[in-house]
Amino acid sequence: MAEEKKVAPIGVWNTVKPFVNGGTSGMLATCVIQPIDMIKVRIQLGQGSAASVTSTMLKNEGIGAFYKGLSAGLLRQATYTTARLGSFKMLTAKASEANDGKPLPLYQKALCGLTAGAIGACVGSPADLALIRMQADNTLPLAQRRNYTNAFHALYRISADEGVLALWKGCGPTVVRAMALNMGMLASYDQSAEYMRDNLGLGETSTVVGASAVSGFCAAACSLPFDFVKTQIQKMQPDAQGKYPYTGSLDCAMQTLKSGGPLKFYTGFPVYCVRIAPHVMMTWIFLNQITKFQKTIGM
């Protein structure tokens, strides 16, 4: 009985550890990336170039504006990244077990990434909606501003004013974006890491940094069109007659394509890529450091 009591907590920790580690690493990375993410959202909302947005925000709103919505960003990582990375670790472990412990082929890893991204996006969609609205609030006329004080206040107000299901407004494109991002990120990371390590003979640090940069670029290229549509859907407001500018994600995509062409979906791509790539890199670096620390203390 004593042995069973000792084994049980260890078994529980081994199960939840991928989720805890994933969420923690994502939250740490978000603390660094939040200002770039804010600039990216403002660019997508038509506020100008990266330089002009940065200058205007510093002049009119102060440096604190770059961290507006940080609580929602952290909540998003605590939900989305926790579920995404935790699910991915569990799915790949199960797939590897079914494959007799052999390394998984690239397509299986991509499928695991697609599934994990969808799971994470469904869990994290309410926090993502709160984040987008908090970041876009200062771009609205004074009469239309929601003035959320923090992420939990935003979630409460959205539920009270628009209904609980409104927390998942834009969930469709959010899920698709997450699936595209994870497929691009995971597939390209494994391939580039293998090439850099085996063909170029790079060391561990250089391989991680280089592969993460390639991974971030591919993730950005795959996911930005969906991110653009998601942002437009989540920040839209009804006009005086109560009519929304878009009836849904497809309508938003078609109107955008008609008015601006395919390149309109890649508005803010340099900033988005700069934001995604470092976040991918830092998430993996933080995750690696957390795992190493846990091993040193016997966790």
C-alpha atoms as a PDB file:
ATOM      1  CA  MET A   1       0.000   0.000   0.000  1.00  0.00           C
ATOM      2  CA  ALA A   2       2.842   2.385   0.871  1.00  0.00           C
ATOM      3  CA  GLU A   3       4.420   1.811  -2.554  1.00  0.00           C
ATOM      4  CA  GLU A   4       1.111   2.502  -4.290  1.00  0.00           C
ATOM      5  CA  LYS A   5       0.765   5.811  -2.436  1.00  0.00           C
ATOM      6  CA  LYS A   6       4.256   6.848  -3.538  1.00  0.00           C
ATOM      7  CA  VAL A   7       3.730   5.808  -7.142  1.00  0.00           C
ATOM      8  CA  ALA A   8       0.328   7.499  -7.555  1.00  0.00           C
ATOM      9  CA  PRO A   9       1.535  11.120  -7.169  1.00  0.00           C
ATOM     10  CA  ILE A  10       4.444  10.430  -9.531  1.00  0.00           C
ATOM     11  CA  GLY A  11       2.054   9.018 -12.119  1.00  0.00           C
ATOM     12  CA  VAL A  12      -0.221  12.042 -11.835  1.00  0.00           C
ATOM     13  CA  TRP A  13       2.719  14.460 -12.149  1.00  0.00           C
ATOM     14  CA  ASN A  14       4.089  12.677 -15.219  1.00  0.00           C
ATOM     15  CA  THR A  15       0.650  13.032 -16.801  1.00  0.00           C
ATOM     16  CA  VAL A  16       0.182  16.739 -16.081  1.00  0.00           C
ATOM     17  CA  LYS A  17       3.844  17.761 -16.474  1.00  0.00           C
ATOM     18  CA  PRO A  18       3.707  18.322 -20.257  1.00  0.00           C
ATOM     19  CA  PHE A  19       0.699  20.600 -19.766  1.00  0.00           C
ATOM     20  CA  VAL A  20       2.273  22.555 -16.880  1.00  0.00           C
ATOM     21  CA  ASN A  21       5.614  22.926 -18.649  1.00  0.00           C
ATOM     22  CA  GLY A  22       4.000  23.928 -21.938  1.00  0.00           C
ATOM     23  CA  GLY A  23       1.813  26.594 -20.348  1.00  0.00           C
ATOM     24  CA  THR A  24       4.659  27.996 -18.256  1.00  0.00           C
ATOM     25  CA  SER A  25       7.044  28.262 -21.205  1.00  0.00           C
ATOM     26  CA  GLY A  26       4.369  29.936 -23.317  1.00  0.00           C
ATOM     27  CA  MET A  27       3.570  32.479 -20.598  1.00  0.00           C
ATOM     28  CA  LEU A  28       7.244  33.388 -20.146  1.00  0.00           C
ATOM     29  CA  ALA A  29       7.649  33.863 -23.899  1.00  0.00           C
ATOM     30  CA  THR A  30       4.511  36.032 -24.031  1.00  0.00           C
ATOM     31  CA  CYS A  31       5.902  38.427 -21.417  1.00  0.00           C
ATOM     32  CA  VAL A  32       8.745  39.200 -23.839  1.00  0.00           C
ATOM     33  CA  ILE A  33       6.709  39.220 -27.057  1.00  0.00           C
ATOM     34  CA  GLN A  34       3.635  41.196 -25.899  1.00  0.00           C
ATOM     35  CA  PRO A  35       4.801  44.621 -27.243  1.00  0.00           C
ATOM     36  CA  ILE A  36       5.436  43.177 -30.729  1.00  0.00           C
ATOM     37  CA  ASP A  37       2.058  41.445 -30.668  1.00  0.00           C
ATOM     38  CA  MET A  38       0.368  44.744 -29.812  1.00  0.00           C
ATOM     39  CA  ILE A  39       2.063  46.470 -32.775  1.00  0.00           C
ATOM     40  CA  LYS A  40       1.012  43.597 -35.061  1.00  0.00           C
ATOM     41  CA  VAL A  41      -2.653  43.961 -34.062  1.00  0.00           C
ATOM     42  CA  ARG A  42      -2.583  47.737 -34.598  1.00  0.00           C
ATOM     43  CA  ILE A  43      -1.091  47.263 -38.093  1.00  0.00           C
ATOM     44  CA  GLN A  44      -3.816  44.763 -38.979  1.00  0.00           C
ATOM     45  CA  LEU A  45      -6.410  47.283 -37.813  1.00  0.00           C
ATOM     46  CA  GLY A  46      -5.060  49.818 -40.310  1.00  0.00           C
ATOM     47  CA  GLN A  47      -3.118  52.095 -37.963  1.00  0.00           C
ATOM     48  CA  GLY A  48      -0.077  52.337 -40.255  1.00  0.00           C
ATOM     49  CA  SER A  49       3.416  50.840 -40.491  1.00  0.00           C
ATOM     50  CA  ALA A  50       5.366  49.329 -37.613  1.00  0.00           C
ATOM     51  CA  ALA A  51       7.425  52.511 -37.168  1.00  0.00           C
ATOM     52  CA  SER A  52       4.433  54.860 -37.242  1.00  0.00           C
ATOM     53  CA  VAL A  53       2.370  52.653 -34.912  1.00  0.00           C
ATOM     54  CA  THR A  54       5.231  52.477 -32.417  1.00  0.00           C
ATOM     55  CA  SER A  55       5.813  56.237 -32.557  1.00  0.00           C
ATOM     56  CA  THR A  56       2.112  57.066 -32.209  1.00  0.00           C
ATOM     57  CA  MET A  57       1.614  54.689 -29.280  1.00  0.00           C
ATOM     58  CA  LEU A  58       4.613  56.064 -27.400  1.00  0.00           C
ATOM     59  CA  LYS A  59       3.520  59.661 -28.006  1.00  0.00           C
ATOM     60  CA  ASN A  60      -0.197  59.314 -27.265  1.00  0.00           C
ATOM     61  CA  GLU A  61      -0.506  56.368 -24.878  1.00  0.00           C
ATOM     62  CA  GLY A  62       2.870  55.831 -23.247  1.00  0.00           C
ATOM     63  CA  ILE A  63       4.972  52.710 -22.888  1.00  0.00           C
ATOM     64  CA  GLY A  64       2.288  50.973 -20.847  1.00  0.00           C
ATOM     65  CA  ALA A  65       0.138  50.721 -23.980  1.00  0.00           C
ATOM     66  CA  PHE A  66       2.487  48.058 -25.349  1.00  0.00           C
ATOM     67  CA  TYR A  67       1.475  45.792 -22.474  1.00  0.00           C
ATOM     68  CA  LYS A  68      -2.249  46.446 -22.674  1.00  0.00           C
ATOM     69  CA  GLY A  69      -3.945  43.079 -22.750  1.00  0.00           C
ATOM     70  CA  LEU A  70      -1.008  41.277 -21.093  1.00  0.00           C
ATOM     71  CA  SER A  71      -3.339  39.609 -18.594  1.00  0.00           C
ATOM     72  CA  ALA A  72      -5.403  38.232 -21.489  1.00  0.00           C
ATOM     73  CA  GLY A  73      -2.224  37.160 -23.282  1.00  0.00           C
ATOM     74  CA  LEU A  74      -1.039  35.254 -20.221  1.00  0.00           C
ATOM     75  CA  LEU A  75      -4.470  33.709 -19.756  1.00  0.00           C
ATOM     76  CA  ARG A  76      -4.418  32.659 -23.403  1.00  0.00           C
ATOM     77  CA  GLN A  77      -1.062  30.932 -22.952  1.00  0.00           C
ATOM     78  CA  ALA A  78      -2.258  29.322 -19.716  1.00  0.00           C
ATOM     79  CA  THR A  79      -5.142  27.799 -21.670  1.00  0.00           C
ATOM     80  CA  TYR A  80      -4.108  27.538 -25.342  1.00  0.00           C
ATOM     81  CA  THR A  81      -0.425  26.615 -25.006  1.00  0.00           C
ATOM     82  CA  THR A  82      -1.034  24.403 -21.989  1.00  0.00           C
ATOM     83  CA  ALA A  83      -3.591  22.387 -23.955  1.00  0.00           C
ATOM     84  CA  ARG A  84      -1.641  22.541 -27.229  1.00  0.00           C
ATOM     85  CA  LEU A  85       1.798  21.406 -26.067  1.00  0.00           C
ATOM     86  CA  GLY A  86       0.401  19.016 -23.482  1.00  0.00           C
ATOM     87  CA  SER A  87      -1.869  17.371 -26.047  1.00  0.00           C
ATOM     88  CA  PHE A  88       0.950  17.213 -28.590  1.00  0.00           C
ATOM     89  CA  LYS A  89       3.250  15.420 -26.134  1.00  0.00           C
ATOM     90  CA  MET A  90       0.520  12.923 -25.260  1.00  0.00           C
ATOM     91  CA  LEU A  91      -0.464  12.333 -28.892  1.00  0.00           C
ATOM     92  CA  THR A  92       3.120  11.809 -30.060  1.00  0.00           C
ATOM     93  CA  ALA A  93       3.789   9.488 -27.108  1.00  0.00           C
ATOM     94  CA  LYS A  94       0.743   7.385 -28.008  1.00  0.00           C
ATOM     95  CA  ALA A  95       1.683   7.383 -31.693  1.00  0.00           C
ATOM     96  CA  SER A  96       5.265   6.377 -30.880  1.00  0.00           C
ATOM     97  CA  GLU A  97       3.991   3.563 -28.681  1.00  0.00           C
ATOM     98  CA  ALA A  98       1.799   2.334 -31.530  1.00  0.00           C
ATOM     99  CA  ASN A  99       4.861   2.568 -33.798  1.00  0.00           C
ATOM    100  CA  ASP A 100       6.843   0.211 -31.522  1.00  0.00           C
ATOM    101  CA  GLY A 101       8.916   3.075 -30.172  1.00  0.00           C
ATOM    102  CA  LYS A 102      10.363   4.020 -33.565  1.00  0.00           C
ATOM    103  CA  PRO A 103      10.742   7.706 -34.551  1.00  0.00           C
ATOM    104  CA  LEU A 104       7.557   9.096 -36.008  1.00  0.00           C
ATOM    105  CA  PRO A 105       7.485   9.985 -39.713  1.00  0.00           C
ATOM    106  CA  LEU A 106       6.979  13.642 -40.539  1.00  0.00           C
ATOM    107  CA  TYR A 107       3.357  13.301 -41.604  1.00  0.00           C
ATOM    108  CA  GLN A 108       2.381  11.692 -38.288  1.00  0.00           C
ATOM    109  CA  LYS A 109       3.993  14.529 -36.342  1.00  0.00           C
ATOM    110  CA  ALA A 110       2.141  17.002 -38.542  1.00  0.00           C
ATOM    111  CA  LEU A 111      -1.153  15.242 -37.873  1.00  0.00           C
ATOM    112  CA  CYS A 112      -0.455  15.304 -34.133  1.00  0.00           C
ATOM    113  CA  GLY A 113       0.306  19.011 -34.429  1.00  0.00           C
ATOM    114  CA  LEU A 114      -2.923  19.675 -36.322  1.00  0.00           C
ATOM    115  CA  THR A 115      -4.960  17.870 -33.677  1.00  0.00           C
ATOM    116  CA  ALA A 116      -3.181  19.489 -30.747  1.00  0.00           C
ATOM    117  CA  GLY A 117      -3.601  22.924 -32.329  1.00  0.00           C
ATOM    118  CA  ALA A 118      -7.342  22.414 -32.708  1.00  0.00           C
ATOM    119  CA  ILE A 119      -7.692  21.261 -29.095  1.00  0.00           C
ATOM    120  CA  GLY A 120      -5.669  24.181 -27.784  1.00  0.00           C
ATOM    121  CA  ALA A 121      -7.562  26.737 -29.865  1.00  0.00           C
ATOM    122  CA  CYS A 122     -10.960  25.525 -28.628  1.00  0.00           C
ATOM    123  CA  VAL A 123      -9.795  25.829 -25.021  1.00  0.00           C
ATOM    124  CA  GLY A 124      -8.036  29.171 -25.495  1.00  0.00           C
ATOM    125  CA  SER A 125     -10.529  30.949 -27.774  1.00  0.00           C
ATOM    126  CA  PRO A 126     -12.261  33.016 -25.011  1.00  0.00           C
ATOM    127  CA  ALA A 127      -8.933  34.384 -23.761  1.00  0.00           C
ATOM    128  CA  ASP A 128      -7.872  35.097 -27.355  1.00  0.00           C
ATOM    129  CA  LEU A 129     -11.061  37.099 -27.937  1.00  0.00           C
ATOM    130  CA  ALA A 130     -10.439  39.094 -24.749  1.00  0.00           C
ATOM    131  CA  LEU A 131      -6.853  39.773 -25.848  1.00  0.00           C
ATOM    132  CA  ILE A 132      -7.846  41.054 -29.305  1.00  0.00           C
ATOM    133  CA  ARG A 133     -10.529  43.340 -27.905  1.00  0.00           C
ATOM    134  CA  MET A 134      -8.279  44.780 -25.214  1.00  0.00           C
ATOM    135  CA  GLN A 135      -5.516  45.472 -27.735  1.00  0.00           C
ATOM    136  CA  ALA A 136      -7.931  47.082 -30.217  1.00  0.00           C
ATOM    137  CA  ASP A 137      -9.895  49.128 -27.680  1.00  0.00           C
ATOM    138  CA  ASN A 138      -7.846  52.326 -27.943  1.00  0.00           C
ATOM    139  CA  THR A 139      -8.281  52.386 -31.727  1.00  0.00           C
ATOM    140  CA  LEU A 140     -12.073  52.803 -31.342  1.00  0.00           C
ATOM    141  CA  PRO A 141     -13.963  56.093 -30.890  1.00  0.00           C
ATOM    142  CA  LEU A 142     -14.428  57.007 -27.219  1.00  0.00           C
ATOM    143  CA  ALA A 143     -18.133  56.187 -27.309  1.00  0.00           C
ATOM    144  CA  GLN A 144     -17.456  52.662 -28.583  1.00  0.00           C
ATOM    145  CA  ARG A 145     -14.617  51.703 -26.252  1.00  0.00           C
ATOM    146  CA  ARG A 146     -15.325  48.819 -23.915  1.00  0.00           C
ATOM    147  CA  ASN A 147     -12.734  49.823 -21.283  1.00  0.00           C
ATOM    148  CA  TYR A 148     -12.021  46.335 -19.975  1.00  0.00           C
ATOM    149  CA  THR A 149      -9.798  46.513 -16.891  1.00  0.00           C
ATOM    150  CA  ASN A 150      -8.314  43.015 -17.231  1.00  0.00           C
ATOM    151  CA  ALA A 151      -8.884  39.671 -18.928  1.00  0.00           C
ATOM    152  CA  PHE A 152     -11.377  38.376 -16.378  1.00  0.00           C
ATOM    153  CA  HIS A 153     -13.372  41.612 -16.550  1.00  0.00           C
ATOM    154  CA  ALA A 154     -13.436  41.256 -20.338  1.00  0.00           C
ATOM    155  CA  LEU A 155     -14.682  37.671 -20.141  1.00  0.00           C
ATOM    156  CA  TYR A 156     -17.364  38.676 -17.635  1.00  0.00           C
ATOM    157  CA  ARG A 157     -18.550  41.632 -19.712  1.00  0.00           C
ATOM    158  CA  ILE A 158     -18.651  39.621 -22.945  1.00  0.00           C
ATOM    159  CA  SER A 159     -20.679  36.887 -21.233  1.00  0.00           C
ATOM    160  CA  ALA A 160     -23.056  39.357 -19.602  1.00  0.00           C
ATOM    161  CA  ASP A 161     -23.564  41.649 -22.607  1.00  0.00           C
ATOM    162  CA  GLU A 162     -23.450  39.195 -25.505  1.00  0.00           C
ATOM    163  CA  GLY A 163     -24.043  35.756 -24.003  1.00  0.00           C
ATOM    164  CA  VAL A 164     -21.674  32.959 -23.043  1.00  0.00           C
ATOM    165  CA  LEU A 165     -21.415  31.629 -26.603  1.00  0.00           C
ATOM    166  CA  ALA A 166     -20.013  35.002 -27.682  1.00  0.00           C
ATOM    167  CA  LEU A 167     -16.779  33.979 -25.929  1.00  0.00           C
ATOM    168  CA  TRP A 168     -16.217  31.657 -28.883  1.00  0.00           C
ATOM    169  CA  LYS A 169     -16.898  34.319 -31.532  1.00  0.00           C
ATOM    170  CA  GLY A 170     -14.362  33.743 -34.281  1.00  0.00           C
ATOM    171  CA  CYS A 171     -13.576  30.281 -32.896  1.00  0.00           C
ATOM    172  CA  GLY A 172     -13.724  28.755 -36.379  1.00  0.00           C
ATOM    173  CA  PRO A 173     -10.860  30.786 -37.871  1.00  0.00           C
ATOM    174  CA  THR A 174      -9.013  30.570 -34.548  1.00  0.00           C
ATOM    175  CA  VAL A 175      -9.038  26.770 -34.728  1.00  0.00           C
ATOM    176  CA  VAL A 176      -8.032  26.727 -38.407  1.00  0.00           C
ATOM    177  CA  ARG A 177      -5.237  29.227 -37.729  1.00  0.00           C
ATOM    178  CA  ALA A 178      -3.959  27.141 -34.829  1.00  0.00           C
ATOM    179  CA  MET A 179      -3.970  24.002 -36.958  1.00  0.00           C
ATOM    180  CA  ALA A 180      -2.091  25.762 -39.783  1.00  0.00           C
ATOM    181  CA  LEU A 181       0.403  27.312 -37.357  1.00  0.00           C
ATOM    182  CA  ASN A 182       1.156  24.039 -35.593  1.00  0.00           C
ATOM    183  CA  MET A 183       1.498  22.109 -38.835  1.00  0.00           C
ATOM    184  CA  GLY A 184       3.950  24.668 -40.227  1.00  0.00           C
ATOM    185  CA  MET A 185       5.847  24.997 -36.977  1.00  0.00           C
ATOM    186  CA  LEU A 186       6.288  21.331 -36.117  1.00  0.00           C
ATOM    187  CA  ALA A 187       6.919  19.977 -39.603  1.00  0.00           C
ATOM    188  CA  SER A 188       9.514  22.610 -40.537  1.00  0.00           C
ATOM    189  CA  TYR A 189      11.238  22.485 -37.138  1.00  0.00           C
ATOM    190  CA  ASP A 190      11.925  18.756 -37.267  1.00  0.00           C
ATOM    191  CA  GLN A 191      13.138  18.844 -40.862  1.00  0.00           C
ATOM    192  CA  SER A 192      15.375  21.898 -40.470  1.00  0.00           C
ATOM    193  CA  ALA A 193      16.807  20.698 -37.149  1.00  0.00           C
ATOM    194  CA  GLU A 194      17.708  17.358 -38.710  1.00  0.00           C
ATOM    195  CA  TYR A 195      19.345  19.075 -41.697  1.00  0.00           C
ATOM    196  CA  MET A 196      21.306  21.557 -39.604  1.00  0.00           C
ATOM    197  CA  ARG A 197      22.505  18.898 -37.202  1.00  0.00           C
ATOM    198  CA  ASP A 198      23.320  16.116 -39.666  1.00  0.00           C
ATOM    199  CA  ASN A 199      24.286  18.002 -42.829  1.00  0.00           C
ATOM    200  CA  LEU A 200      25.712  21.274 -41.539  1.00  0.00           C
ATOM    201  CA  GLY A 201      27.183  19.851 -38.333  1.00  0.00           C
ATOM    202  CA  LEU A 202      25.845  22.664 -36.135  1.00  0.00           C
ATOM    203  CA  GLY A 203      25.900  22.379 -32.350  1.00  0.00           C
ATOM    204  CA  GLU A 204      22.848  22.098 -30.124  1.00  0.00           C
ATOM    205  CA  THR A 205      22.389  25.819 -29.501  1.00  0.00           C
ATOM    206  CA  SER A 206      22.880  26.819 -33.137  1.00  0.00           C
ATOM    207  CA  THR A 207      20.541  24.052 -34.278  1.00  0.00           C
ATOM    208  CA  VAL A 208      17.783  25.086 -31.865  1.00  0.00           C
ATOM    209  CA  VAL A 209      18.050  28.773 -32.784  1.00  0.00           C
ATOM    210  CA  GLY A 210      18.275  28.149 -36.538  1.00  0.00           C
ATOM    211  CA  ALA A 211      15.535  25.535 -36.681  1.00  0.00           C
ATOM    212  CA  SER A 212      13.277  27.683 -34.503  1.00  0.00           C
ATOM    213  CA  ALA A 213      13.748  30.647 -36.852  1.00  0.00           C
ATOM    214  CA  VAL A 214      12.822  28.520 -39.891  1.00  0.00           C
ATOM    215  CA  SER A 215       9.931  27.054 -37.928  1.00  0.00           C
ATOM    216  CA  GLY A 216       8.681  30.491 -36.947  1.00  0.00           C
ATOM    217  CA  PHE A 217       8.782  31.750 -40.533  1.00  0.00           C
ATOM    218  CA  CYS A 218       6.840  28.728 -41.822  1.00  0.00           C
ATOM    219  CA  ALA A 219       4.331  29.002 -38.985  1.00  0.00           C
ATOM    220  CA  ALA A 220       3.788  32.694 -39.796  1.00  0.00           C
ATOM    221  CA  ALA A 221       3.405  32.074 -43.532  1.00  0.00           C
ATOM    222  CA  CYS A 222       0.852  29.317 -42.953  1.00  0.00           C
ATOM    223  CA  SER A 223      -1.187  31.052 -40.268  1.00  0.00           C
ATOM    224  CA  LEU A 224      -1.250  34.808 -41.026  1.00  0.00           C
ATOM    225  CA  PRO A 225      -4.188  34.729 -43.499  1.00  0.00           C
ATOM    226  CA  PHE A 226      -6.300  32.942 -40.884  1.00  0.00           C
ATOM    227  CA  ASP A 227      -5.041  35.279 -38.165  1.00  0.00           C
ATOM    228  CA  PHE A 228      -6.029  38.293 -40.273  1.00  0.00           C
ATOM    229  CA  VAL A 229      -9.587  36.999 -40.753  1.00  0.00           C
ATOM    230  CA  LYS A 230      -9.828  36.034 -37.080  1.00  0.00           C
ATOM    231  CA  THR A 231      -8.782  39.517 -35.980  1.00  0.00           C
ATOM    232  CA  GLN A 232     -11.331  41.202 -38.253  1.00  0.00           C
ATOM    233  CA  ILE A 233     -14.151  38.972 -36.992  1.00  0.00           C
ATOM    234  CA  GLN A 234     -13.279  39.346 -33.317  1.00  0.00           C
ATOM    235  CA  LYS A 235     -12.944  43.150 -33.321  1.00  0.00           C
ATOM    236  CA  MET A 236     -15.979  44.012 -35.517  1.00  0.00           C
ATOM    237  CA  GLN A 237     -18.855  46.022 -34.071  1.00  0.00           C
ATOM    238  CA  PRO A 238     -22.418  46.533 -35.336  1.00  0.00           C
ATOM    239  CA  ASP A 239     -23.381  49.781 -37.062  1.00  0.00           C
ATOM    240  CA  ALA A 240     -26.279  52.037 -36.061  1.00  0.00           C
ATOM    241  CA  GLN A 241     -28.748  49.531 -37.542  1.00  0.00           C
ATOM    242  CA  GLY A 242     -27.182  46.664 -35.591  1.00  0.00           C
ATOM    243  CA  LYS A 243     -25.640  45.092 -38.694  1.00  0.00           C
ATOM    244  CA  TYR A 244     -22.146  43.624 -38.583  1.00  0.00           C
ATOM    245  CA  PRO A 245     -19.727  44.273 -41.482  1.00  0.00           C
ATOM    246  CA  TYR A 246     -19.195  40.525 -42.000  1.00  0.00           C
ATOM    247  CA  THR A 247     -21.648  37.651 -41.702  1.00  0.00           C
ATOM    248  CA  GLY A 248     -18.873  35.187 -40.946  1.00  0.00           C
ATOM    249  CA  SER A 249     -15.296  34.128 -41.621  1.00  0.00           C
ATOM    250  CA  LEU A 250     -15.922  33.166 -45.244  1.00  0.00           C
ATOM    251  CA  ASP A 251     -17.680  36.461 -45.954  1.00  0.00           C
ATOM    252  CA  CYS A 252     -14.782  38.346 -44.357  1.00  0.00           C
ATOM    253  CA  ALA A 253     -12.272  36.415 -46.454  1.00  0.00           C
ATOM    254  CA  MET A 254     -14.211  37.021 -49.687  1.00  0.00           C
ATOM    255  CA  GLN A 255     -14.663  40.751 -49.026  1.00  0.00           C
ATOM    256  CA  THR A 256     -10.971  41.092 -48.162  1.00  0.00           C
ATOM    257  CA  LEU A 257      -9.949  39.217 -51.307  1.00  0.00           C
ATOM    258  CA  LYS A 258     -12.246  41.382 -53.437  1.00  0.00           C
ATOM    259  CA  SER A 259     -11.146  44.705 -51.960  1.00  0.00           C
ATOM    260  CA  GLY A 260      -7.432  44.123 -51.423  1.00  0.00           C
ATOM    261  CA  GLY A 261      -6.401  40.975 -53.271  1.00  0.00           C
ATOM    262  CA  PRO A 262      -4.488  37.990 -51.838  1.00  0.00           C
ATOM    263  CA  LEU A 263      -1.655  40.104 -50.427  1.00  0.00           C
ATOM    264  CA  LYS A 264      -4.135  41.890 -48.140  1.00  0.00           C
ATOM    265  CA  PHE A 265      -4.161  38.743 -45.983  1.00  0.00           C
ATOM    266  CA  TYR A 266      -0.438  39.246 -45.400  1.00  0.00           C
ATOM    267  CA  THR A 267      -0.805  42.758 -44.001  1.00  0.00           C
ATOM    268  CA  GLY A 268       1.788  43.155 -41.277  1.00  0.00           C
ATOM    269  CA  PHE A 269       3.663  39.994 -42.250  1.00  0.00           C
ATOM    270  CA  PRO A 270       7.157  41.256 -41.287  1.00  0.00           C
ATOM    271  CA  VAL A 271       5.979  42.209 -37.787  1.00  0.00           C
ATOM    272  CA  TYR A 272       3.889  39.044 -37.503  1.00  0.00           C
ATOM    273  CA  CYS A 273       6.877  36.932 -38.521  1.00  0.00           C
ATOM    274  CA  VAL A 274       9.137  38.787 -36.088  1.00  0.00           C
ATOM    275  CA  ARG A 275       6.565  38.148 -33.385  1.00  0.00           C
ATOM    276  CA  ILE A 276       5.930  34.470 -34.183  1.00  0.00           C
ATOM    277  CA  ALA A 277       9.551  33.370 -34.711  1.00  0.00           C
ATOM    278  CA  PRO A 278      10.923  34.658 -31.387  1.00  0.00           C
ATOM    279  CA  HIS A 279       7.892  33.326 -29.539  1.00  0.00           C
ATOM    280  CA  VAL A 280       8.456  29.881 -31.034  1.00  0.00           C
ATOM    281  CA  MET A 281      12.154  30.068 -30.217  1.00  0.00           C
ATOM    282  CA  MET A 282      11.681  31.278 -26.668  1.00  0.00           C
ATOM    283  CA  THR A 283       8.875  28.833 -25.947  1.00  0.00           C
ATOM    284  CA  TRP A 284      11.112  25.904 -26.863  1.00  0.00           C
ATOM    285  CA  ILE A 285      14.121  27.389 -25.053  1.00  0.00           C
ATOM    286  CA  PHE A 286      12.106  28.030 -21.893  1.00  0.00           C
ATOM    287  CA  LEU A 287      10.583  24.558 -22.139  1.00  0.00           C
ATOM    288  CA  ASN A 288      14.040  23.025 -22.484  1.00  0.00           C
ATOM    289  CA  GLN A 289      15.347  24.963 -19.480  1.00  0.00           C
ATOM    290  CA  ILE A 290      12.321  24.064 -17.349  1.00  0.00           C
ATOM    291  CA  THR A 291      12.756  20.389 -18.214  1.00  0.00           C
ATOM    292  CA  LYS A 292      16.462  20.514 -17.364  1.00  0.00           C
ATOM    293  CA  PHE A 293      15.739  22.195 -14.031  1.00  0.00           C
ATOM    294  CA  GLN A 294      13.120  19.603 -13.139  1.00  0.00           C
ATOM    295  CA  LYS A 295      15.592  16.822 -13.868  1.00  0.00           C
ATOM    296  CA  THR A 296      18.211  18.392 -11.585  1.00  0.00           C
ATOM    297  CA  ILE A 297      15.748  18.430  -8.660  1.00  0.00           C
ATOM    298  CA  GLY A 298      14.404  14.957  -9.418  1.00  0.00           C
ATOM    299  CA  MET A 299      11.062  15.949 -10.876  1.00  0.00           C
END
